[in-house]
Amino acid sequence: MGNGSVPKPGNFHRRRVVLSSSAGFYDRLAQSSRAKQAKKRKDKRHKQNSARTSLPRMGAEVAVGRRQPVRHKNLIQESVFRDNESSAATVSDFVEQLTNEVGNQLLDGYEEVVEIAGDGMSRASVNAKSQPSTKDMDRDNTLAVIRELYRIDPTPCGQAELLQLMRDSLGHLRLSDSIRIRLERDLRVAERRHVLQRVKGMYRLKCRSICDYNRNQLKKLFLQAIGRNWSSREAAIIAGARYLGFRRTGRAIQSAFRSIINGLIRERRLQSVGDQIRRV
């Protein structure tokens, strides 16, 4: 063609045939691909229909206790829809039934998660609920616990050991920072109330009984215990005994505090009206 020669007509004809045959091949290839996609969609719909027909058997498994995941929402809808068709329910009834079904599935899933967590989490939650907090700690009760510990073993001990013993007696699982601060404060209060005495870092019981207190100490502590509100003499004696860490008010405690009350009235440090007394 470059030297001016004219191509033969037969060559153009063969090229047109080749091009036309190639176009037909690609058309057939595209048709075959579309047919395959249509077949896949048909097979997928067939599998979905098969799963829907097997729904009653799945419902029976749920009835005997096998929990099904919530991802079968379409199956739940089909089940509710089939039941509604048989019972001729209204649209509002259908929506209500569907909501109840999904809610039951969610509740079952939550219960399953709790069961999978195991008994360890249950024990931890129970212990967390039963463990007392610092708000529930009563100082007078803590002093009574200290007296009970030294009644069992009067040997002096250090602060760390005493804190561990107090923690166990009060029912705490561990010695957290807040509990440690509260117990250390109670130890200082026990020293001020002459329950404990600290010598070279070791704590020992200072006043084992009410007779170990001198009269002036007992007067001062009794006034601190009763405050400025009116109370009966019996209630004031009980408050004074609890203030010093005594759980019971025996004969010795009753006699000592009645003598203290009479002495404070004579000194005009207590106001008395009949059986009622209060701090001046």
C-alpha atoms as a PDB file:
ATOM      1  CA  MET A   1       0.000   0.000   0.000  1.00  0.00           C
ATOM      2  CA  GLY A   2       2.931   2.288   0.619  1.00  0.00           C
ATOM      3  CA  ASN A   3       4.204   2.034  -2.982  1.00  0.00           C
ATOM      4  CA  GLY A   4       0.879   3.053  -4.485  1.00  0.00           C
ATOM      5  CA  SER A   5      -0.405  -0.454  -5.150  1.00  0.00           C
ATOM      6  CA  VAL A   6      -4.143  -0.982  -4.753  1.00  0.00           C
ATOM      7  CA  PRO A   7      -5.126  -3.793  -2.337  1.00  0.00           C
ATOM      8  CA  LYS A   8      -7.233  -6.593  -3.600  1.00  0.00           C
ATOM      9  CA  PRO A   9     -10.915  -6.537  -2.752  1.00  0.00           C
ATOM     10  CA  GLY A  10     -10.684  -9.996  -1.193  1.00  0.00           C
ATOM     11  CA  ASN A  11      -8.460  -8.782   1.639  1.00  0.00           C
ATOM     12  CA  PHE A  12     -11.076  -6.273   2.878  1.00  0.00           C
ATOM     13  CA  HIS A  13     -13.724  -8.929   2.780  1.00  0.00           C
ATOM     14  CA  ARG A  14     -11.691 -11.298   4.932  1.00  0.00           C
ATOM     15  CA  ARG A  15     -11.027  -8.542   7.488  1.00  0.00           C
ATOM     16  CA  ARG A  16     -14.724  -7.729   7.737  1.00  0.00           C
ATOM     17  CA  VAL A  17     -15.493 -11.387   8.358  1.00  0.00           C
ATOM     18  CA  VAL A  18     -12.872 -11.658  11.096  1.00  0.00           C
ATOM     19  CA  LEU A  19     -14.124  -8.520  12.841  1.00  0.00           C
ATOM     20  CA  SER A  20     -17.707  -9.621  12.679  1.00  0.00           C
ATOM     21  CA  SER A  21     -16.853 -13.052  14.056  1.00  0.00           C
ATOM     22  CA  SER A  22     -14.896 -11.489  16.958  1.00  0.00           C
ATOM     23  CA  ALA A  23     -17.827  -9.243  17.869  1.00  0.00           C
ATOM     24  CA  GLY A  24     -20.126 -12.237  17.936  1.00  0.00           C
ATOM     25  CA  PHE A  25     -17.749 -14.111  20.265  1.00  0.00           C
ATOM     26  CA  TYR A  26     -17.740 -11.290  22.828  1.00  0.00           C
ATOM     27  CA  ASP A  27     -21.501 -11.011  22.616  1.00  0.00           C
ATOM     28  CA  ARG A  28     -21.859 -14.706  23.386  1.00  0.00           C
ATOM     29  CA  LEU A  29     -19.365 -14.339  26.251  1.00  0.00           C
ATOM     30  CA  ALA A  30     -21.389 -11.486  27.791  1.00  0.00           C
ATOM     31  CA  GLN A  31     -24.610 -13.478  27.425  1.00  0.00           C
ATOM     32  CA  SER A  32     -22.988 -16.461  29.136  1.00  0.00           C
ATOM     33  CA  SER A  33     -21.811 -14.255  32.041  1.00  0.00           C
ATOM     34  CA  ARG A  34     -25.292 -12.804  32.491  1.00  0.00           C
ATOM     35  CA  ALA A  35     -26.747 -16.291  32.466  1.00  0.00           C
ATOM     36  CA  LYS A  36     -24.333 -17.411  35.186  1.00  0.00           C
ATOM     37  CA  GLN A  37     -25.219 -14.427  37.385  1.00  0.00           C
ATOM     38  CA  ALA A  38     -28.905 -15.135  36.922  1.00  0.00           C
ATOM     39  CA  LYS A  39     -28.337 -18.754  37.908  1.00  0.00           C
ATOM     40  CA  LYS A  40     -26.461 -17.675  41.062  1.00  0.00           C
ATOM     41  CA  ARG A  41     -29.309 -15.395  42.059  1.00  0.00           C
ATOM     42  CA  LYS A  42     -31.771 -18.211  41.476  1.00  0.00           C
ATOM     43  CA  ASP A  43     -29.729 -20.620  43.615  1.00  0.00           C
ATOM     44  CA  LYS A  44     -29.492 -18.005  46.387  1.00  0.00           C
ATOM     45  CA  ARG A  45     -33.269 -17.530  46.414  1.00  0.00           C
ATOM     46  CA  HIS A  46     -33.684 -21.297  46.513  1.00  0.00           C
ATOM     47  CA  LYS A  47     -31.428 -21.557  49.578  1.00  0.00           C
ATOM     48  CA  GLN A  48     -33.342 -18.783  51.339  1.00  0.00           C
ATOM     49  CA  ASN A  49     -36.638 -20.540  50.650  1.00  0.00           C
ATOM     50  CA  SER A  50     -35.193 -23.780  51.974  1.00  0.00           C
ATOM     51  CA  ALA A  51     -34.094 -22.079  55.181  1.00  0.00           C
ATOM     52  CA  ARG A  52     -37.566 -20.588  55.617  1.00  0.00           C
ATOM     53  CA  THR A  53     -39.224 -23.958  55.214  1.00  0.00           C
ATOM     54  CA  SER A  54     -36.962 -25.383  57.966  1.00  0.00           C
ATOM     55  CA  LEU A  55     -38.038 -22.662  60.461  1.00  0.00           C
ATOM     56  CA  PRO A  56     -40.475 -24.859  62.526  1.00  0.00           C
ATOM     57  CA  ARG A  57     -37.638 -27.221  63.418  1.00  0.00           C
ATOM     58  CA  MET A  58     -35.525 -24.261  64.580  1.00  0.00           C
ATOM     59  CA  GLY A  59     -38.431 -22.983  66.651  1.00  0.00           C
ATOM     60  CA  ALA A  60     -38.662 -26.350  68.362  1.00  0.00           C
ATOM     61  CA  GLU A  61     -34.988 -26.140  69.322  1.00  0.00           C
ATOM     62  CA  VAL A  62     -35.608 -22.744  70.856  1.00  0.00           C
ATOM     63  CA  ALA A  63     -38.552 -24.169  72.792  1.00  0.00           C
ATOM     64  CA  VAL A  64     -36.409 -26.875  74.400  1.00  0.00           C
ATOM     65  CA  GLY A  65     -33.812 -24.390  75.564  1.00  0.00           C
ATOM     66  CA  ARG A  66     -31.332 -23.802  72.674  1.00  0.00           C
ATOM     67  CA  ARG A  67     -30.992 -20.053  72.324  1.00  0.00           C
ATOM     68  CA  GLN A  68     -30.739 -18.778  68.760  1.00  0.00           C
ATOM     69  CA  PRO A  69     -28.761 -15.627  67.904  1.00  0.00           C
ATOM     70  CA  VAL A  70     -30.579 -12.438  67.022  1.00  0.00           C
ATOM     71  CA  ARG A  71     -29.125 -12.470  63.498  1.00  0.00           C
ATOM     72  CA  HIS A  72     -32.096 -14.652  62.418  1.00  0.00           C
ATOM     73  CA  LYS A  73     -34.333 -11.621  62.426  1.00  0.00           C
ATOM     74  CA  ASN A  74     -35.677 -12.443  58.961  1.00  0.00           C
ATOM     75  CA  LEU A  75     -36.608 -15.925  60.163  1.00  0.00           C
ATOM     76  CA  ILE A  76     -38.380 -14.431  63.172  1.00  0.00           C
ATOM     77  CA  GLN A  77     -40.311 -12.149  60.871  1.00  0.00           C
ATOM     78  CA  GLU A  78     -41.321 -15.084  58.661  1.00  0.00           C
ATOM     79  CA  SER A  79     -42.407 -17.094  61.701  1.00  0.00           C
ATOM     80  CA  VAL A  80     -44.518 -14.270  63.076  1.00  0.00           C
ATOM     81  CA  PHE A  81     -45.919 -13.527  59.632  1.00  0.00           C
ATOM     82  CA  ARG A  82     -46.923 -17.160  59.108  1.00  0.00           C
ATOM     83  CA  ASP A  83     -48.584 -17.269  62.531  1.00  0.00           C
ATOM     84  CA  ASN A  84     -50.408 -14.052  61.763  1.00  0.00           C
ATOM     85  CA  GLU A  85     -51.641 -15.396  58.459  1.00  0.00           C
ATOM     86  CA  SER A  86     -53.157 -18.380  60.219  1.00  0.00           C
ATOM     87  CA  SER A  87     -54.718 -16.312  62.988  1.00  0.00           C
ATOM     88  CA  ALA A  88     -55.743 -13.367  60.764  1.00  0.00           C
ATOM     89  CA  ALA A  89     -54.160 -10.836  63.133  1.00  0.00           C
ATOM     90  CA  THR A  90     -54.193  -7.129  62.488  1.00  0.00           C
ATOM     91  CA  VAL A  91     -51.156  -5.027  61.623  1.00  0.00           C
ATOM     92  CA  SER A  92     -50.825  -3.675  65.166  1.00  0.00           C
ATOM     93  CA  ASP A  93     -50.931  -7.204  66.609  1.00  0.00           C
ATOM     94  CA  PHE A  94     -48.260  -8.266  64.129  1.00  0.00           C
ATOM     95  CA  VAL A  95     -45.955  -5.408  65.162  1.00  0.00           C
ATOM     96  CA  GLU A  96     -46.495  -6.151  68.861  1.00  0.00           C
ATOM     97  CA  GLN A  97     -45.784  -9.850  68.401  1.00  0.00           C
ATOM     98  CA  LEU A  98     -42.661  -9.117  66.376  1.00  0.00           C
ATOM     99  CA  THR A  99     -41.390  -6.757  69.117  1.00  0.00           C
ATOM    100  CA  ASN A 100     -41.994  -9.362  71.817  1.00  0.00           C
ATOM    101  CA  GLU A 101     -40.190 -12.035  69.791  1.00  0.00           C
ATOM    102  CA  VAL A 102     -37.103  -9.888  69.226  1.00  0.00           C
ATOM    103  CA  GLY A 103     -37.118  -8.829  72.896  1.00  0.00           C
ATOM    104  CA  ASN A 104     -37.158 -12.450  74.024  1.00  0.00           C
ATOM    105  CA  GLN A 105     -34.205 -13.214  71.761  1.00  0.00           C
ATOM    106  CA  LEU A 106     -32.241 -10.298  73.208  1.00  0.00           C
ATOM    107  CA  LEU A 107     -33.059 -11.376  76.766  1.00  0.00           C
ATOM    108  CA  ASP A 108     -31.930 -14.925  76.031  1.00  0.00           C
ATOM    109  CA  GLY A 109     -28.679 -13.607  74.596  1.00  0.00           C
ATOM    110  CA  TYR A 110     -28.055 -11.537  77.736  1.00  0.00           C
ATOM    111  CA  GLU A 111     -28.670 -14.541  79.993  1.00  0.00           C
ATOM    112  CA  GLU A 112     -26.273 -16.610  77.896  1.00  0.00           C
ATOM    113  CA  VAL A 113     -23.521 -13.998  78.279  1.00  0.00           C
ATOM    114  CA  VAL A 114     -24.002 -14.010  82.044  1.00  0.00           C
ATOM    115  CA  GLU A 115     -23.805 -17.815  82.126  1.00  0.00           C
ATOM    116  CA  ILE A 116     -20.651 -17.844  79.989  1.00  0.00           C
ATOM    117  CA  ALA A 117     -18.983 -15.434  82.442  1.00  0.00           C
ATOM    118  CA  GLY A 118     -18.919 -18.254  84.979  1.00  0.00           C
ATOM    119  CA  ASP A 119     -19.301 -18.599  88.691  1.00  0.00           C
ATOM    120  CA  GLY A 120     -16.257 -16.441  89.362  1.00  0.00           C
ATOM    121  CA  MET A 121     -18.018 -13.262  88.269  1.00  0.00           C
ATOM    122  CA  SER A 122     -21.083 -14.208  90.312  1.00  0.00           C
ATOM    123  CA  ARG A 123     -18.991 -14.723  93.427  1.00  0.00           C
ATOM    124  CA  ALA A 124     -17.196 -11.430  92.826  1.00  0.00           C
ATOM    125  CA  SER A 125     -20.503  -9.561  92.451  1.00  0.00           C
ATOM    126  CA  VAL A 126     -21.864 -11.156  95.623  1.00  0.00           C
ATOM    127  CA  ASN A 127     -18.703 -10.304  97.541  1.00  0.00           C
ATOM    128  CA  ALA A 128     -18.774  -6.757  96.203  1.00  0.00           C
ATOM    129  CA  LYS A 129     -22.338  -6.368  97.443  1.00  0.00           C
ATOM    130  CA  SER A 130     -21.641  -7.962 100.805  1.00  0.00           C
ATOM    131  CA  GLN A 131     -18.381  -6.087 101.414  1.00  0.00           C
ATOM    132  CA  PRO A 132     -18.951  -3.063 103.705  1.00  0.00           C
ATOM    133  CA  SER A 133     -17.883   0.362 102.491  1.00  0.00           C
ATOM    134  CA  THR A 134     -16.187   3.131 104.440  1.00  0.00           C
ATOM    135  CA  LYS A 135     -19.559   4.857 104.813  1.00  0.00           C
ATOM    136  CA  ASP A 136     -20.889   1.847 106.718  1.00  0.00           C
ATOM    137  CA  MET A 137     -17.948   1.754 109.127  1.00  0.00           C
ATOM    138  CA  ASP A 138     -18.800   2.831 112.673  1.00  0.00           C
ATOM    139  CA  ARG A 139     -15.937   4.132 114.786  1.00  0.00           C
ATOM    140  CA  ASP A 140     -17.294   2.792 118.059  1.00  0.00           C
ATOM    141  CA  ASN A 141     -17.629  -0.641 116.462  1.00  0.00           C
ATOM    142  CA  THR A 142     -14.027  -0.414 115.215  1.00  0.00           C
ATOM    143  CA  LEU A 143     -12.820   0.298 118.757  1.00  0.00           C
ATOM    144  CA  ALA A 144     -14.804  -2.696 120.004  1.00  0.00           C
ATOM    145  CA  VAL A 145     -13.096  -4.835 117.334  1.00  0.00           C
ATOM    146  CA  ILE A 146      -9.691  -3.619 118.565  1.00  0.00           C
ATOM    147  CA  ARG A 147     -10.551  -4.596 122.134  1.00  0.00           C
ATOM    148  CA  GLU A 148     -11.706  -8.020 120.949  1.00  0.00           C
ATOM    149  CA  LEU A 149      -8.454  -8.574 119.026  1.00  0.00           C
ATOM    150  CA  TYR A 150      -6.337  -7.778 122.094  1.00  0.00           C
ATOM    151  CA  ARG A 151      -8.580  -9.897 124.297  1.00  0.00           C
ATOM    152  CA  ILE A 152      -7.764 -12.889 122.087  1.00  0.00           C
ATOM    153  CA  ASP A 153      -4.056 -12.068 121.824  1.00  0.00           C
ATOM    154  CA  PRO A 154      -2.700  -9.288 124.093  1.00  0.00           C
ATOM    155  CA  THR A 155       0.724  -9.318 122.383  1.00  0.00           C
ATOM    156  CA  PRO A 156       1.749  -5.852 121.057  1.00  0.00           C
ATOM    157  CA  CYS A 157       1.892  -5.615 117.265  1.00  0.00           C
ATOM    158  CA  GLY A 158       2.903  -3.118 114.608  1.00  0.00           C
ATOM    159  CA  GLN A 159       0.602  -0.905 112.625  1.00  0.00           C
ATOM    160  CA  ALA A 160       0.674  -2.968 109.413  1.00  0.00           C
ATOM    161  CA  GLU A 161      -0.213  -6.187 111.211  1.00  0.00           C
ATOM    162  CA  LEU A 162      -2.926  -4.494 113.250  1.00  0.00           C
ATOM    163  CA  LEU A 163      -4.479  -2.979 110.123  1.00  0.00           C
ATOM    164  CA  GLN A 164      -4.622  -6.403 108.469  1.00  0.00           C
ATOM    165  CA  LEU A 165      -6.282  -7.908 111.546  1.00  0.00           C
ATOM    166  CA  MET A 166      -8.802  -5.069 111.702  1.00  0.00           C
ATOM    167  CA  ARG A 167      -9.557  -5.440 107.982  1.00  0.00           C
ATOM    168  CA  ASP A 168     -10.275  -9.155 108.356  1.00  0.00           C
ATOM    169  CA  SER A 169     -12.427  -8.649 111.445  1.00  0.00           C
ATOM    170  CA  LEU A 170     -14.481  -5.905 109.777  1.00  0.00           C
ATOM    171  CA  GLY A 171     -15.125  -8.077 106.685  1.00  0.00           C
ATOM    172  CA  HIS A 172     -13.158  -6.200 104.024  1.00  0.00           C
ATOM    173  CA  LEU A 173     -11.703  -8.170 101.110  1.00  0.00           C
ATOM    174  CA  ARG A 174      -8.622  -5.989 100.676  1.00  0.00           C
ATOM    175  CA  LEU A 175      -6.952  -3.013 102.291  1.00  0.00           C
ATOM    176  CA  SER A 176      -7.659  -0.263  99.783  1.00  0.00           C
ATOM    177  CA  ASP A 177      -6.390   3.294 100.176  1.00  0.00           C
ATOM    178  CA  SER A 178      -9.697   4.615 101.503  1.00  0.00           C
ATOM    179  CA  ILE A 179     -10.037   1.794 104.035  1.00  0.00           C
ATOM    180  CA  ARG A 180      -6.414   2.208 105.135  1.00  0.00           C
ATOM    181  CA  ILE A 181      -6.901   5.941 105.718  1.00  0.00           C
ATOM    182  CA  ARG A 182     -10.084   5.305 107.721  1.00  0.00           C
ATOM    183  CA  LEU A 183      -8.493   2.596 109.888  1.00  0.00           C
ATOM    184  CA  GLU A 184      -5.376   4.679 110.548  1.00  0.00           C
ATOM    185  CA  ARG A 185      -7.644   7.512 111.678  1.00  0.00           C
ATOM    186  CA  ASP A 186      -9.477   5.116 113.990  1.00  0.00           C
ATOM    187  CA  LEU A 187      -6.146   4.054 115.493  1.00  0.00           C
ATOM    188  CA  ARG A 188      -5.355   7.663 116.339  1.00  0.00           C
ATOM    189  CA  VAL A 189      -8.815   8.040 117.882  1.00  0.00           C
ATOM    190  CA  ALA A 190      -8.218   4.880 119.917  1.00  0.00           C
ATOM    191  CA  GLU A 191      -5.054   6.464 121.291  1.00  0.00           C
ATOM    192  CA  ARG A 192      -6.902   9.659 122.261  1.00  0.00           C
ATOM    193  CA  ARG A 193      -9.600   7.627 124.020  1.00  0.00           C
ATOM    194  CA  HIS A 194      -6.911   5.673 125.916  1.00  0.00           C
ATOM    195  CA  VAL A 195      -7.890   2.361 124.307  1.00  0.00           C
ATOM    196  CA  LEU A 196      -4.461   1.863 122.701  1.00  0.00           C
ATOM    197  CA  GLN A 197      -0.969   3.042 123.525  1.00  0.00           C
ATOM    198  CA  ARG A 198       1.845   3.231 120.982  1.00  0.00           C
ATOM    199  CA  VAL A 199       5.355   2.609 122.224  1.00  0.00           C
ATOM    200  CA  LYS A 200       8.229   2.502 119.682  1.00  0.00           C
ATOM    201  CA  GLY A 201       5.879   1.768 116.808  1.00  0.00           C
ATOM    202  CA  MET A 202       4.107  -1.091 118.601  1.00  0.00           C
ATOM    203  CA  TYR A 203       0.485  -0.888 119.686  1.00  0.00           C
ATOM    204  CA  ARG A 204      -0.715  -2.400 122.949  1.00  0.00           C
ATOM    205  CA  LEU A 205      -3.948  -2.190 124.908  1.00  0.00           C
ATOM    206  CA  LYS A 206      -3.772   0.647 127.428  1.00  0.00           C
ATOM    207  CA  CYS A 207      -7.012   0.420 129.424  1.00  0.00           C
ATOM    208  CA  ARG A 208      -8.290  -3.127 129.423  1.00  0.00           C
ATOM    209  CA  SER A 209     -11.321  -2.407 131.643  1.00  0.00           C
ATOM    210  CA  ILE A 210     -13.223   0.594 132.919  1.00  0.00           C
ATOM    211  CA  CYS A 211     -11.266   0.402 136.167  1.00  0.00           C
ATOM    212  CA  ASP A 212      -8.024   1.219 134.312  1.00  0.00           C
ATOM    213  CA  TYR A 213      -9.229   4.754 133.519  1.00  0.00           C
ATOM    214  CA  ASN A 214      -8.590   7.456 136.086  1.00  0.00           C
ATOM    215  CA  ARG A 215     -11.529   9.592 137.139  1.00  0.00           C
ATOM    216  CA  ASN A 216     -10.548  12.769 135.309  1.00  0.00           C
ATOM    217  CA  GLN A 217     -10.011  10.906 132.035  1.00  0.00           C
ATOM    218  CA  LEU A 218     -13.363   9.192 132.405  1.00  0.00           C
ATOM    219  CA  LYS A 219     -15.185  12.487 133.036  1.00  0.00           C
ATOM    220  CA  LYS A 220     -13.685  14.110 129.969  1.00  0.00           C
ATOM    221  CA  LEU A 221     -14.453  11.144 127.712  1.00  0.00           C
ATOM    222  CA  PHE A 222     -17.986  10.810 129.080  1.00  0.00           C
ATOM    223  CA  LEU A 223     -18.779  14.455 128.279  1.00  0.00           C
ATOM    224  CA  GLN A 224     -17.463  13.951 124.743  1.00  0.00           C
ATOM    225  CA  ALA A 225     -19.650  10.870 124.316  1.00  0.00           C
ATOM    226  CA  ILE A 226     -23.021  12.299 125.357  1.00  0.00           C
ATOM    227  CA  GLY A 227     -22.822  15.689 123.631  1.00  0.00           C
ATOM    228  CA  ARG A 228     -25.248  18.549 124.373  1.00  0.00           C
ATOM    229  CA  ASN A 229     -28.554  16.800 123.649  1.00  0.00           C
ATOM    230  CA  TRP A 230     -30.905  15.652 126.389  1.00  0.00           C
ATOM    231  CA  SER A 231     -30.804  11.921 127.107  1.00  0.00           C
ATOM    232  CA  SER A 232     -31.683   9.544 129.901  1.00  0.00           C
ATOM    233  CA  ARG A 233     -28.996   8.405 132.298  1.00  0.00           C
ATOM    234  CA  GLU A 234     -29.237   4.838 131.011  1.00  0.00           C
ATOM    235  CA  ALA A 235     -28.793   5.943 127.391  1.00  0.00           C
ATOM    236  CA  ALA A 236     -25.868   8.176 128.404  1.00  0.00           C
ATOM    237  CA  ILE A 237     -24.148   5.262 130.159  1.00  0.00           C
ATOM    238  CA  ILE A 238     -24.573   3.075 127.060  1.00  0.00           C
ATOM    239  CA  ALA A 239     -23.199   5.876 124.846  1.00  0.00           C
ATOM    240  CA  GLY A 240     -20.182   6.315 127.132  1.00  0.00           C
ATOM    241  CA  ALA A 241     -19.439   2.569 127.085  1.00  0.00           C
ATOM    242  CA  ARG A 242     -19.681   2.389 123.266  1.00  0.00           C
ATOM    243  CA  TYR A 243     -17.487   5.487 123.008  1.00  0.00           C
ATOM    244  CA  LEU A 244     -14.705   3.610 124.812  1.00  0.00           C
ATOM    245  CA  GLY A 245     -15.131   0.426 122.757  1.00  0.00           C
ATOM    246  CA  PHE A 246     -17.095  -1.667 125.262  1.00  0.00           C
ATOM    247  CA  ARG A 247     -19.884  -3.708 123.708  1.00  0.00           C
ATOM    248  CA  ARG A 248     -21.661  -4.494 126.994  1.00  0.00           C
ATOM    249  CA  THR A 249     -22.453  -2.380 130.013  1.00  0.00           C
ATOM    250  CA  GLY A 250     -21.811  -4.664 132.944  1.00  0.00           C
ATOM    251  CA  ARG A 251     -22.040  -3.924 136.639  1.00  0.00           C
ATOM    252  CA  ALA A 252     -18.624  -2.293 136.809  1.00  0.00           C
ATOM    253  CA  ILE A 253     -19.335   0.042 133.888  1.00  0.00           C
ATOM    254  CA  GLN A 254     -22.764   0.966 135.288  1.00  0.00           C
ATOM    255  CA  SER A 255     -21.314   1.780 138.701  1.00  0.00           C
ATOM    256  CA  ALA A 256     -18.377   3.792 137.303  1.00  0.00           C
ATOM    257  CA  PHE A 257     -20.492   5.956 134.994  1.00  0.00           C
ATOM    258  CA  ARG A 258     -23.210   6.611 137.617  1.00  0.00           C
ATOM    259  CA  SER A 259     -20.511   7.900 139.912  1.00  0.00           C
ATOM    260  CA  ILE A 260     -19.128  10.047 137.096  1.00  0.00           C
ATOM    261  CA  ILE A 261     -22.592  11.470 136.367  1.00  0.00           C
ATOM    262  CA  ASN A 262     -23.135  12.449 140.006  1.00  0.00           C
ATOM    263  CA  GLY A 263     -19.699  14.054 140.189  1.00  0.00           C
ATOM    264  CA  LEU A 264     -20.281  16.078 136.980  1.00  0.00           C
ATOM    265  CA  ILE A 265     -23.651  17.275 138.290  1.00  0.00           C
ATOM    266  CA  ARG A 266     -22.021  18.480 141.516  1.00  0.00           C
ATOM    267  CA  GLU A 267     -19.364  20.257 139.463  1.00  0.00           C
ATOM    268  CA  ARG A 268     -22.155  21.862 137.381  1.00  0.00           C
ATOM    269  CA  ARG A 269     -20.735  20.373 134.198  1.00  0.00           C
ATOM    270  CA  LEU A 270     -23.920  18.379 133.645  1.00  0.00           C
ATOM    271  CA  GLN A 271     -27.463  19.700 133.716  1.00  0.00           C
ATOM    272  CA  SER A 272     -30.040  17.341 135.198  1.00  0.00           C
ATOM    273  CA  VAL A 273     -33.848  17.440 135.041  1.00  0.00           C
ATOM    274  CA  GLY A 274     -35.298  14.313 136.587  1.00  0.00           C
ATOM    275  CA  ASP A 275     -33.787  11.345 134.735  1.00  0.00           C
ATOM    276  CA  GLN A 276     -32.660  13.507 131.794  1.00  0.00           C
ATOM    277  CA  ILE A 277     -29.139  14.905 131.629  1.00  0.00           C
ATOM    278  CA  ARG A 278     -27.131  16.897 129.125  1.00  0.00           C
ATOM    279  CA  ARG A 279     -23.758  18.576 128.843  1.00  0.00           C
ATOM    280  CA  VAL A 280     -23.621  22.217 129.932  1.00  0.00           C
END
